[in-house]
Every structure is written in structure tokens, then in C-alpha cells.
PDB file of N, CA and C in Angstrom:
ATOM      1  N   MET A   1      21.678   8.842 -24.818  1.00  0.00           N
ATOM      2  CA  MET A   1      20.622   8.071 -24.286  1.00  0.00           C
ATOM      3  C   MET A   1      21.012   7.719 -22.785  1.00  0.00           C
ATOM      4  N   ASP A   2      20.221   8.038 -21.855  1.00  0.00           N
ATOM      5  CA  ASP A   2      20.346   7.501 -20.514  1.00  0.00           C
ATOM      6  C   ASP A   2      19.829   6.085 -20.454  1.00  0.00           C
ATOM      7  N   THR A   3      20.650   5.141 -20.116  1.00  0.00           N
ATOM      8  CA  THR A   3      20.229   3.719 -20.186  1.00  0.00           C
ATOM      9  C   THR A   3      19.339   3.267 -19.074  1.00  0.00           C
ATOM     10  N   ASP A   4      19.097   4.227 -18.122  1.00  0.00           N
ATOM     11  CA  ASP A   4      18.155   3.847 -17.004  1.00  0.00           C
ATOM     12  C   ASP A   4      16.660   4.041 -17.440  1.00  0.00           C
ATOM     13  N   ASP A   5      16.499   4.662 -18.675  1.00  0.00           N
ATOM     14  CA  ASP A   5      15.188   4.873 -19.149  1.00  0.00           C
ATOM     15  C   ASP A   5      14.653   3.865 -20.093  1.00  0.00           C
ATOM     16  N   CYS A   6      15.348   2.708 -20.155  1.00  0.00           N
ATOM     17  CA  CYS A   6      14.917   1.696 -21.197  1.00  0.00           C
ATOM     18  C   CYS A   6      15.328   0.341 -20.618  1.00  0.00           C
ATOM     19  N   THR A   7      14.961  -0.747 -21.394  1.00  0.00           N
ATOM     20  CA  THR A   7      15.304  -2.108 -20.998  1.00  0.00           C
ATOM     21  C   THR A   7      16.731  -2.313 -21.391  1.00  0.00           C
ATOM     22  N   GLU A   8      17.329  -3.319 -20.850  1.00  0.00           N
ATOM     23  CA  GLU A   8      18.719  -3.772 -21.213  1.00  0.00           C
ATOM     24  C   GLU A   8      18.753  -4.068 -22.749  1.00  0.00           C
ATOM     25  N   GLN A   9      17.833  -4.705 -23.273  1.00  0.00           N
ATOM     26  CA  GLN A   9      17.782  -4.983 -24.727  1.00  0.00           C
ATOM     27  C   GLN A   9      17.762  -3.752 -25.509  1.00  0.00           C
ATOM     28  N   GLN A  10      16.909  -2.756 -25.166  1.00  0.00           N
ATOM     29  CA  GLN A  10      16.832  -1.544 -25.886  1.00  0.00           C
ATOM     30  C   GLN A  10      18.213  -0.763 -25.822  1.00  0.00           C
ATOM     31  N   ALA A  11      18.881  -0.773 -24.675  1.00  0.00           N
ATOM     32  CA  ALA A  11      20.125  -0.140 -24.528  1.00  0.00           C
ATOM     33  C   ALA A  11      21.134  -0.846 -25.465  1.00  0.00           C
ATOM     34  N   LYS A  12      21.148  -2.153 -25.473  1.00  0.00           N
ATOM     35  CA  LYS A  12      22.132  -2.864 -26.346  1.00  0.00           C
ATOM     36  C   LYS A  12      21.838  -2.538 -27.799  1.00  0.00           C
ATOM     37  N   ASP A  13      20.531  -2.533 -28.206  1.00  0.00           N
ATOM     38  CA  ASP A  13      20.169  -2.275 -29.610  1.00  0.00           C
ATOM     39  C   ASP A  13      20.581  -0.857 -29.982  1.00  0.00           C
ATOM     40  N   PHE A  14      20.408   0.052 -29.061  1.00  0.00           N
ATOM     41  CA  PHE A  14      20.828   1.413 -29.298  1.00  0.00           C
ATOM     42  C   PHE A  14      22.345   1.535 -29.455  1.00  0.00           C
ATOM     43  N   LYS A  15      23.097   0.973 -28.511  1.00  0.00           N
ATOM     44  CA  LYS A  15      24.539   1.075 -28.521  1.00  0.00           C
ATOM     45  C   LYS A  15      25.149   0.470 -29.763  1.00  0.00           C
ATOM     46  N   ASP A  16      24.619  -0.684 -30.198  1.00  0.00           N
ATOM     47  CA  ASP A  16      25.181  -1.373 -31.384  1.00  0.00           C
ATOM     48  C   ASP A  16      24.523  -0.926 -32.722  1.00  0.00           C
ATOM     49  N   LYS A  17      23.654   0.053 -32.667  1.00  0.00           N
ATOM     50  CA  LYS A  17      22.968   0.663 -33.761  1.00  0.00           C
ATOM     51  C   LYS A  17      21.856  -0.199 -34.420  1.00  0.00           C
ATOM     52  N   SER A  18      21.717  -1.411 -33.848  1.00  0.00           N
ATOM     53  CA  SER A  18      20.766  -2.394 -34.563  1.00  0.00           C
ATOM     54  C   SER A  18      19.307  -1.853 -34.554  1.00  0.00           C
ATOM     55  N   MET A  19      18.967  -0.948 -33.630  1.00  0.00           N
ATOM     56  CA  MET A  19      17.567  -0.426 -33.626  1.00  0.00           C
ATOM     57  C   MET A  19      17.379   0.526 -34.822  1.00  0.00           C
ATOM     58  N   PHE A  20      18.326   0.876 -35.471  1.00  0.00           N
ATOM     59  CA  PHE A  20      18.297   1.793 -36.654  1.00  0.00           C
ATOM     60  C   PHE A  20      18.443   1.123 -37.972  1.00  0.00           C
ATOM     61  N   LYS A  21      18.603  -0.215 -37.965  1.00  0.00           N
ATOM     62  CA  LYS A  21      18.802  -0.985 -39.194  1.00  0.00           C
ATOM     63  C   LYS A  21      17.645  -0.642 -40.112  1.00  0.00           C
ATOM     64  N   GLY A  22      18.031  -0.475 -41.400  1.00  0.00           N
ATOM     65  CA  GLY A  22      16.959  -0.310 -42.439  1.00  0.00           C
ATOM     66  C   GLY A  22      16.588   1.271 -42.627  1.00  0.00           C
ATOM     67  N   GLU A  23      17.097   2.091 -41.650  1.00  0.00           N
ATOM     68  CA  GLU A  23      16.769   3.525 -41.825  1.00  0.00           C
ATOM     69  C   GLU A  23      17.750   4.144 -42.780  1.00  0.00           C
ATOM     70  N   TRP A  24      17.411   5.154 -43.573  1.00  0.00           N
ATOM     71  CA  TRP A  24      18.221   5.795 -44.476  1.00  0.00           C
ATOM     72  C   TRP A  24      19.454   6.398 -43.786  1.00  0.00           C
ATOM     73  N   PHE A  25      19.331   6.840 -42.555  1.00  0.00           N
ATOM     74  CA  PHE A  25      20.373   7.547 -41.862  1.00  0.00           C
ATOM     75  C   PHE A  25      21.259   6.644 -41.056  1.00  0.00           C
ATOM     76  N   TYR A  26      21.046   5.369 -41.173  1.00  0.00           N
ATOM     77  CA  TYR A  26      21.866   4.337 -40.427  1.00  0.00           C
ATOM     78  C   TYR A  26      23.425   4.605 -40.452  1.00  0.00           C
ATOM     79  N   PRO A  27      23.947   4.829 -41.676  1.00  0.00           N
ATOM     80  CA  PRO A  27      25.427   5.054 -41.674  1.00  0.00           C
ATOM     81  C   PRO A  27      25.907   6.254 -40.952  1.00  0.00           C
ATOM     82  N   TYR A  28      25.034   7.111 -40.584  1.00  0.00           N
ATOM     83  CA  TYR A  28      25.424   8.425 -39.999  1.00  0.00           C
ATOM     84  C   TYR A  28      25.233   8.373 -38.508  1.00  0.00           C
ATOM     85  N   ILE A  29      24.627   7.339 -37.950  1.00  0.00           N
ATOM     86  CA  ILE A  29      24.275   7.252 -36.532  1.00  0.00           C
ATOM     87  C   ILE A  29      25.553   6.904 -35.708  1.00  0.00           C
ATOM     88  N   VAL A  30      25.750   7.699 -34.708  1.00  0.00           N
ATOM     89  CA  VAL A  30      26.733   7.388 -33.668  1.00  0.00           C
ATOM     90  C   VAL A  30      26.024   7.459 -32.351  1.00  0.00           C
ATOM     91  N   PRO A  31      25.640   6.265 -31.777  1.00  0.00           N
ATOM     92  CA  PRO A  31      24.877   6.272 -30.566  1.00  0.00           C
ATOM     93  C   PRO A  31      25.679   6.831 -29.405  1.00  0.00           C
ATOM     94  N   ILE A  32      25.164   7.778 -28.654  1.00  0.00           N
ATOM     95  CA  ILE A  32      25.851   8.390 -27.546  1.00  0.00           C
ATOM     96  C   ILE A  32      25.055   7.979 -26.277  1.00  0.00           C
ATOM     97  N   PHE A  33      25.709   7.419 -25.349  1.00  0.00           N
ATOM     98  CA  PHE A  33      24.970   6.860 -24.190  1.00  0.00           C
ATOM     99  C   PHE A  33      25.665   7.195 -22.883  1.00  0.00           C
ATOM    100  N   ASP A  34      24.845   7.189 -21.801  1.00  0.00           N
ATOM    101  CA  ASP A  34      25.290   7.382 -20.388  1.00  0.00           C
ATOM    102  C   ASP A  34      24.648   6.349 -19.626  1.00  0.00           C
ATOM    103  N   SER A  35      25.450   5.513 -18.899  1.00  0.00           N
ATOM    104  CA  SER A  35      24.910   4.430 -18.022  1.00  0.00           C
ATOM    105  C   SER A  35      25.228   4.696 -16.604  1.00  0.00           C
ATOM    106  N   PRO A  36      24.241   4.792 -15.734  1.00  0.00           N
ATOM    107  CA  PRO A  36      22.921   4.781 -16.086  1.00  0.00           C
ATOM    108  C   PRO A  36      22.326   6.079 -16.594  1.00  0.00           C
ATOM    109  N   ASP A  37      22.925   7.230 -16.274  1.00  0.00           N
ATOM    110  CA  ASP A  37      22.428   8.580 -16.736  1.00  0.00           C
ATOM    111  C   ASP A  37      23.608   9.589 -16.680  1.00  0.00           C
ATOM    112  N   LEU A  38      23.338  10.759 -17.230  1.00  0.00           N
ATOM    113  CA  LEU A  38      24.233  11.822 -17.297  1.00  0.00           C
ATOM    114  C   LEU A  38      24.685  12.261 -15.936  1.00  0.00           C
ATOM    115  N   ASP A  39      23.714  12.369 -15.037  1.00  0.00           N
ATOM    116  CA  ASP A  39      24.059  12.816 -13.655  1.00  0.00           C
ATOM    117  C   ASP A  39      25.101  11.914 -13.047  1.00  0.00           C
ATOM    118  N   SER A  40      24.942  10.603 -13.190  1.00  0.00           N
ATOM    119  CA  SER A  40      25.936   9.748 -12.534  1.00  0.00           C
ATOM    120  C   SER A  40      27.302   9.840 -13.204  1.00  0.00           C
ATOM    121  N   ILE A  41      27.363  10.104 -14.522  1.00  0.00           N
ATOM    122  CA  ILE A  41      28.645  10.308 -15.213  1.00  0.00           C
ATOM    123  C   ILE A  41      29.234  11.521 -14.691  1.00  0.00           C
ATOM    124  N   LEU A  42      28.573  12.605 -14.533  1.00  0.00           N
ATOM    125  CA  LEU A  42      29.079  13.898 -14.089  1.00  0.00           C
ATOM    126  C   LEU A  42      29.547  13.762 -12.602  1.00  0.00           C
ATOM    127  N   LYS A  43      28.837  12.976 -11.811  1.00  0.00           N
ATOM    128  CA  LYS A  43      29.307  12.722 -10.447  1.00  0.00           C
ATOM    129  C   LYS A  43      30.631  11.955 -10.418  1.00  0.00           C
ATOM    130  N   THR A  44      30.753  10.990 -11.323  1.00  0.00           N
ATOM    131  CA  THR A  44      31.974  10.258 -11.470  1.00  0.00           C
ATOM    132  C   THR A  44      33.148  11.157 -11.816  1.00  0.00           C
ATOM    133  N   CYS A  45      32.883  12.151 -12.675  1.00  0.00           N
ATOM    134  CA  CYS A  45      33.882  13.121 -13.079  1.00  0.00           C
ATOM    135  C   CYS A  45      34.245  14.128 -11.890  1.00  0.00           C
ATOM    136  N   GLY A  46      33.368  14.188 -10.981  1.00  0.00           N
ATOM    137  CA  GLY A  46      33.571  15.185  -9.877  1.00  0.00           C
ATOM    138  C   GLY A  46      32.886  16.500 -10.273  1.00  0.00           C
ATOM    139  N   LEU A  47      32.090  16.580 -11.303  1.00  0.00           N
ATOM    140  CA  LEU A  47      31.486  17.808 -11.806  1.00  0.00           C
ATOM    141  C   LEU A  47      30.083  18.056 -11.148  1.00  0.00           C
ATOM    142  N   LEU A  48      29.474  16.993 -10.603  1.00  0.00           N
ATOM    143  CA  LEU A  48      28.297  17.196  -9.834  1.00  0.00           C
ATOM    144  C   LEU A  48      28.566  16.559  -8.448  1.00  0.00           C
ATOM    145  N   PRO A  49      28.048  17.214  -7.373  1.00  0.00           N
ATOM    146  CA  PRO A  49      28.270  16.641  -6.020  1.00  0.00           C
ATOM    147  C   PRO A  49      27.579  15.298  -5.843  1.00  0.00           C
ATOM    148  N   LYS A  50      28.185  14.455  -5.060  1.00  0.00           N
ATOM    149  CA  LYS A  50      27.583  13.163  -4.823  1.00  0.00           C
ATOM    150  C   LYS A  50      26.187  13.210  -4.131  1.00  0.00           C
ATOM    151  N   ARG A  51      25.968  14.212  -3.363  1.00  0.00           N
ATOM    152  CA  ARG A  51      24.721  14.418  -2.718  1.00  0.00           C
ATOM    153  C   ARG A  51      23.571  14.735  -3.632  1.00  0.00           C
ATOM    154  N   LYS A  52      22.381  14.542  -3.222  1.00  0.00           N
ATOM    155  CA  LYS A  52      21.139  14.956  -4.034  1.00  0.00           C
ATOM    156  C   LYS A  52      21.179  16.504  -4.118  1.00  0.00           C
ATOM    157  N   ILE A  53      20.920  16.986  -5.322  1.00  0.00           N
ATOM    158  CA  ILE A  53      20.823  18.397  -5.525  1.00  0.00           C
ATOM    159  C   ILE A  53      19.503  18.769  -6.162  1.00  0.00           C
ATOM    160  N   LYS A  54      19.108  20.028  -5.845  1.00  0.00           N
ATOM    161  CA  LYS A  54      17.824  20.550  -6.425  1.00  0.00           C
ATOM    162  C   LYS A  54      18.032  20.874  -7.860  1.00  0.00           C
ATOM    163  N   ASP A  55      16.987  20.843  -8.659  1.00  0.00           N
ATOM    164  CA  ASP A  55      17.042  21.198 -10.045  1.00  0.00           C
ATOM    165  C   ASP A  55      17.716  22.542 -10.412  1.00  0.00           C
ATOM    166  N   ASP A  56      17.419  23.542  -9.629  1.00  0.00           N
ATOM    167  CA  ASP A  56      17.946  24.852  -9.938  1.00  0.00           C
ATOM    168  C   ASP A  56      19.457  24.846  -9.747  1.00  0.00           C
ATOM    169  N   GLU A  57      20.015  24.126  -8.814  1.00  0.00           N
ATOM    170  CA  GLU A  57      21.394  23.965  -8.562  1.00  0.00           C
ATOM    171  C   GLU A  57      22.024  23.199  -9.723  1.00  0.00           C
ATOM    172  N   LYS A  58      21.307  22.191 -10.176  1.00  0.00           N
ATOM    173  CA  LYS A  58      21.793  21.381 -11.277  1.00  0.00           C
ATOM    174  C   LYS A  58      21.919  22.133 -12.585  1.00  0.00           C
ATOM    175  N   VAL A  59      20.899  22.992 -12.750  1.00  0.00           N
ATOM    176  CA  VAL A  59      20.967  23.863 -14.012  1.00  0.00           C
ATOM    177  C   VAL A  59      22.159  24.730 -13.967  1.00  0.00           C
ATOM    178  N   LYS A  60      22.473  25.290 -12.817  1.00  0.00           N
ATOM    179  CA  LYS A  60      23.648  26.158 -12.733  1.00  0.00           C
ATOM    180  C   LYS A  60      24.903  25.378 -13.024  1.00  0.00           C
ATOM    181  N   ILE A  61      25.012  24.164 -12.445  1.00  0.00           N
ATOM    182  CA  ILE A  61      26.211  23.401 -12.692  1.00  0.00           C
ATOM    183  C   ILE A  61      26.343  22.956 -14.145  1.00  0.00           C
ATOM    184  N   TYR A  62      25.243  22.498 -14.708  1.00  0.00           N
ATOM    185  CA  TYR A  62      25.189  22.100 -16.112  1.00  0.00           C
ATOM    186  C   TYR A  62      25.658  23.181 -17.009  1.00  0.00           C
ATOM    187  N   SER A  63      25.208  24.433 -16.744  1.00  0.00           N
ATOM    188  CA  SER A  63      25.577  25.573 -17.595  1.00  0.00           C
ATOM    189  C   SER A  63      27.027  25.874 -17.424  1.00  0.00           C
ATOM    190  N   GLN A  64      27.731  25.468 -16.400  1.00  0.00           N
ATOM    191  CA  GLN A  64      29.168  25.637 -16.298  1.00  0.00           C
ATOM    192  C   GLN A  64      29.852  24.490 -16.982  1.00  0.00           C
ATOM    193  N   VAL A  65      29.368  23.293 -16.895  1.00  0.00           N
ATOM    194  CA  VAL A  65      29.979  22.117 -17.536  1.00  0.00           C
ATOM    195  C   VAL A  65      29.917  22.194 -19.056  1.00  0.00           C
ATOM    196  N   PHE A  66      28.717  22.591 -19.547  1.00  0.00           N
ATOM    197  CA  PHE A  66      28.496  22.724 -20.950  1.00  0.00           C
ATOM    198  C   PHE A  66      28.375  24.209 -21.248  1.00  0.00           C
ATOM    199  N   PRO A  67      29.420  24.827 -21.877  1.00  0.00           N
ATOM    200  CA  PRO A  67      29.655  26.213 -21.933  1.00  0.00           C
ATOM    201  C   PRO A  67      28.556  26.995 -22.676  1.00  0.00           C
ATOM    202  N   ILE A  68      27.507  27.303 -21.914  1.00  0.00           N
ATOM    203  CA  ILE A  68      26.507  28.238 -22.415  1.00  0.00           C
ATOM    204  C   ILE A  68      26.458  29.520 -21.542  1.00  0.00           C
ATOM    205  N   ASP A  69      27.170  29.425 -20.405  1.00  0.00           N
ATOM    206  CA  ASP A  69      27.216  30.566 -19.546  1.00  0.00           C
ATOM    207  C   ASP A  69      28.384  31.414 -19.901  1.00  0.00           C
ATOM    208  N   LYS A  70      28.190  32.523 -20.497  1.00  0.00           N
ATOM    209  CA  LYS A  70      29.275  33.373 -20.976  1.00  0.00           C
ATOM    210  C   LYS A  70      30.040  34.024 -19.935  1.00  0.00           C
ATOM    211  N   SER A  71      29.631  34.004 -18.704  1.00  0.00           N
ATOM    212  CA  SER A  71      30.381  34.493 -17.603  1.00  0.00           C
ATOM    213  C   SER A  71      31.502  33.587 -17.058  1.00  0.00           C
ATOM    214  N   TYR A  72      31.513  32.401 -17.617  1.00  0.00           N
ATOM    215  CA  TYR A  72      32.499  31.383 -17.213  1.00  0.00           C
ATOM    216  C   TYR A  72      33.897  31.885 -17.750  1.00  0.00           C
ATOM    217  N   LYS A  73      34.960  31.696 -16.931  1.00  0.00           N
ATOM    218  CA  LYS A  73      36.144  32.299 -17.237  1.00  0.00           C
ATOM    219  C   LYS A  73      37.023  31.659 -18.344  1.00  0.00           C
ATOM    220  N   LYS A  74      36.859  30.368 -18.589  1.00  0.00           N
ATOM    221  CA  LYS A  74      37.636  29.670 -19.614  1.00  0.00           C
ATOM    222  C   LYS A  74      37.009  29.759 -20.947  1.00  0.00           C
ATOM    223  N   THR A  75      37.783  29.591 -22.012  1.00  0.00           N
ATOM    224  CA  THR A  75      37.215  29.588 -23.298  1.00  0.00           C
ATOM    225  C   THR A  75      36.389  28.328 -23.488  1.00  0.00           C
ATOM    226  N   ASP A  76      35.438  28.320 -24.311  1.00  0.00           N
ATOM    227  CA  ASP A  76      34.595  27.146 -24.530  1.00  0.00           C
ATOM    228  C   ASP A  76      35.483  25.951 -24.979  1.00  0.00           C
ATOM    229  N   ALA A  77      36.378  26.093 -25.862  1.00  0.00           N
ATOM    230  CA  ALA A  77      37.173  25.037 -26.379  1.00  0.00           C
ATOM    231  C   ALA A  77      38.023  24.373 -25.364  1.00  0.00           C
ATOM    232  N   VAL A  78      38.640  25.213 -24.493  1.00  0.00           N
ATOM    233  CA  VAL A  78      39.440  24.632 -23.361  1.00  0.00           C
ATOM    234  C   VAL A  78      38.577  23.900 -22.449  1.00  0.00           C
ATOM    235  N   GLN A  79      37.428  24.486 -22.133  1.00  0.00           N
ATOM    236  CA  GLN A  79      36.513  23.832 -21.126  1.00  0.00           C
ATOM    237  C   GLN A  79      36.041  22.472 -21.704  1.00  0.00           C
ATOM    238  N   LEU A  80      35.686  22.508 -22.991  1.00  0.00           N
ATOM    239  CA  LEU A  80      35.173  21.248 -23.557  1.00  0.00           C
ATOM    240  C   LEU A  80      36.283  20.213 -23.675  1.00  0.00           C
ATOM    241  N   GLN A  81      37.504  20.586 -23.972  1.00  0.00           N
ATOM    242  CA  GLN A  81      38.572  19.629 -24.090  1.00  0.00           C
ATOM    243  C   GLN A  81      38.865  19.016 -22.653  1.00  0.00           C
ATOM    244  N   GLU A  82      38.764  19.809 -21.602  1.00  0.00           N
ATOM    245  CA  GLU A  82      38.820  19.284 -20.248  1.00  0.00           C
ATOM    246  C   GLU A  82      37.736  18.265 -20.016  1.00  0.00           C
ATOM    247  N   LEU A  83      36.543  18.556 -20.445  1.00  0.00           N
ATOM    248  CA  LEU A  83      35.443  17.572 -20.284  1.00  0.00           C
ATOM    249  C   LEU A  83      35.733  16.239 -21.092  1.00  0.00           C
ATOM    250  N   VAL A  84      36.224  16.345 -22.285  1.00  0.00           N
ATOM    251  CA  VAL A  84      36.589  15.191 -23.052  1.00  0.00           C
ATOM    252  C   VAL A  84      37.626  14.376 -22.278  1.00  0.00           C
ATOM    253  N   ASP A  85      38.644  15.033 -21.706  1.00  0.00           N
ATOM    254  CA  ASP A  85      39.665  14.287 -20.985  1.00  0.00           C
ATOM    255  C   ASP A  85      39.063  13.590 -19.791  1.00  0.00           C
ATOM    256  N   MET A  86      38.131  14.214 -19.123  1.00  0.00           N
ATOM    257  CA  MET A  86      37.527  13.573 -17.933  1.00  0.00           C
ATOM    258  C   MET A  86      36.700  12.365 -18.320  1.00  0.00           C
ATOM    259  N   LEU A  87      35.883  12.548 -19.457  1.00  0.00           N
ATOM    260  CA  LEU A  87      35.070  11.466 -19.898  1.00  0.00           C
ATOM    261  C   LEU A  87      35.759  10.318 -20.552  1.00  0.00           C
ATOM    262  N   SER A  88      36.907  10.509 -21.037  1.00  0.00           N
ATOM    263  CA  SER A  88      37.592   9.508 -21.823  1.00  0.00           C
ATOM    264  C   SER A  88      37.887   8.194 -21.004  1.00  0.00           C
ATOM    265  N   ASN A  89      38.028   8.292 -19.764  1.00  0.00           N
ATOM    266  CA  ASN A  89      38.388   7.128 -18.960  1.00  0.00           C
ATOM    267  C   ASN A  89      37.155   6.464 -18.292  1.00  0.00           C
ATOM    268  N   ILE A  90      35.969   6.872 -18.689  1.00  0.00           N
ATOM    269  CA  ILE A  90      34.758   6.338 -18.034  1.00  0.00           C
ATOM    270  C   ILE A  90      34.048   5.435 -19.069  1.00  0.00           C
ATOM    271  N   ASN A  91      34.003   4.152 -18.719  1.00  0.00           N
ATOM    272  CA  ASN A  91      33.417   3.157 -19.678  1.00  0.00           C
ATOM    273  C   ASN A  91      31.946   3.276 -19.776  1.00  0.00           C
ATOM    274  N   GLU A  92      31.264   3.936 -18.866  1.00  0.00           N
ATOM    275  CA  GLU A  92      29.785   3.936 -18.820  1.00  0.00           C
ATOM    276  C   GLU A  92      29.250   5.048 -19.679  1.00  0.00           C
ATOM    277  N   THR A  93      30.115   5.700 -20.508  1.00  0.00           N
ATOM    278  CA  THR A  93      29.616   6.709 -21.413  1.00  0.00           C
ATOM    279  C   THR A  93      30.571   6.792 -22.607  1.00  0.00           C
ATOM    280  N   ASN A  94      30.066   7.330 -23.740  1.00  0.00           N
ATOM    281  CA  ASN A  94      30.889   7.715 -24.824  1.00  0.00           C
ATOM    282  C   ASN A  94      30.599   9.124 -25.293  1.00  0.00           C
ATOM    283  N   LEU A  95      30.133   9.909 -24.346  1.00  0.00           N
ATOM    284  CA  LEU A  95      29.765  11.269 -24.553  1.00  0.00           C
ATOM    285  C   LEU A  95      30.925  12.086 -25.138  1.00  0.00           C
ATOM    286  N   GLU A  96      32.128  11.669 -24.713  1.00  0.00           N
ATOM    287  CA  GLU A  96      33.273  12.408 -25.222  1.00  0.00           C
ATOM    288  C   GLU A  96      33.430  12.372 -26.771  1.00  0.00           C
ATOM    289  N   GLN A  97      32.863  11.384 -27.409  1.00  0.00           N
ATOM    290  CA  GLN A  97      32.801  11.370 -28.860  1.00  0.00           C
ATOM    291  C   GLN A  97      31.972  12.553 -29.421  1.00  0.00           C
ATOM    292  N   PHE A  98      30.865  12.797 -28.838  1.00  0.00           N
ATOM    293  CA  PHE A  98      30.075  13.904 -29.374  1.00  0.00           C
ATOM    294  C   PHE A  98      30.778  15.241 -29.016  1.00  0.00           C
ATOM    295  N   VAL A  99      31.369  15.343 -27.859  1.00  0.00           N
ATOM    296  CA  VAL A  99      32.032  16.642 -27.518  1.00  0.00           C
ATOM    297  C   VAL A  99      33.238  16.805 -28.460  1.00  0.00           C
ATOM    298  N   GLU A 100      34.000  15.775 -28.713  1.00  0.00           N
ATOM    299  CA  GLU A 100      35.137  15.904 -29.676  1.00  0.00           C
ATOM    300  C   GLU A 100      34.631  16.271 -30.992  1.00  0.00           C
ATOM    301  N   TYR A 101      33.508  15.750 -31.514  1.00  0.00           N
ATOM    302  CA  TYR A 101      32.919  16.162 -32.728  1.00  0.00           C
ATOM    303  C   TYR A 101      32.570  17.617 -32.773  1.00  0.00           C
ATOM    304  N   CYS A 102      31.982  18.053 -31.656  1.00  0.00           N
ATOM    305  CA  CYS A 102      31.603  19.496 -31.605  1.00  0.00           C
ATOM    306  C   CYS A 102      32.888  20.342 -31.687  1.00  0.00           C
ATOM    307  N   LEU A 103      33.930  19.958 -30.959  1.00  0.00           N
ATOM    308  CA  LEU A 103      35.150  20.687 -31.002  1.00  0.00           C
ATOM    309  C   LEU A 103      35.732  20.765 -32.396  1.00  0.00           C
ATOM    310  N   ALA A 104      35.687  19.625 -33.102  1.00  0.00           N
ATOM    311  CA  ALA A 104      36.177  19.556 -34.525  1.00  0.00           C
ATOM    312  C   ALA A 104      35.414  20.475 -35.444  1.00  0.00           C
ATOM    313  N   CYS A 105      34.162  20.686 -35.140  1.00  0.00           N
ATOM    314  CA  CYS A 105      33.334  21.524 -36.010  1.00  0.00           C
ATOM    315  C   CYS A 105      33.449  23.071 -35.654  1.00  0.00           C
ATOM    316  N   LYS A 106      34.071  23.354 -34.591  1.00  0.00           N
ATOM    317  CA  LYS A 106      34.192  24.723 -34.148  1.00  0.00           C
ATOM    318  C   LYS A 106      34.782  25.543 -35.223  1.00  0.00           C
ATOM    319  N   VAL A 107      34.180  26.664 -35.560  1.00  0.00           N
ATOM    320  CA  VAL A 107      34.790  27.534 -36.615  1.00  0.00           C
ATOM    321  C   VAL A 107      35.447  28.653 -36.018  1.00  0.00           C
TER     322      VAL A 107
END
């Protein structure tokens, strides 16, 4: 969740899972958030330029950060572990938890 798309209360309720209370899937929820948004997190990591970029340039960069572009030279697991390492020190996100989960599920 990008926290710039909601109120502070909604962001809090999402992060602490209280918005999911009473739902059958509550025990399985791991809220993943980016404050204020994914672009700012990737800028903090140095993966997106600080300047304003066009959507087509952003798509190209995103496809390199998240390994869907098979022409990228590193293996997916190595690239994703590097992303986890970059994200681990940023308090405004917990996206690394999702990426670590994906790495653990890799067959």
C-alpha cells in the first residue's frame, strides 16, 4: 500500500492489521507498505532518479528492479537479494518482507 493514497488512520489500520479484524484471512495478512509511495522508496535506494521521469522510462527501470526483463544480466535471486539488502534499512517500507518471502518460495 502506498500511504499517500489514504488517510493517516487508514494507513495505521492497514499497518497494524486492524482493518482486517474479523476476516477469515486475518491470520495470514502481512501488510506491505511504502510511505509515501514506491517511487520515493526506490529513489531513496538510488534505483530511480531523483528527477521527475516519464512513465515509459519508469516502466523500463521497474522491469530492471523487479526481474521480469530476461535480458538483465544478473540472476533473479541475486537481483532480488540485492533489493532486499537495499530496502532493509529504510523505515518507510517493509517491502523487503515480501521480496524475502518470494525468494524463500523460489523453486
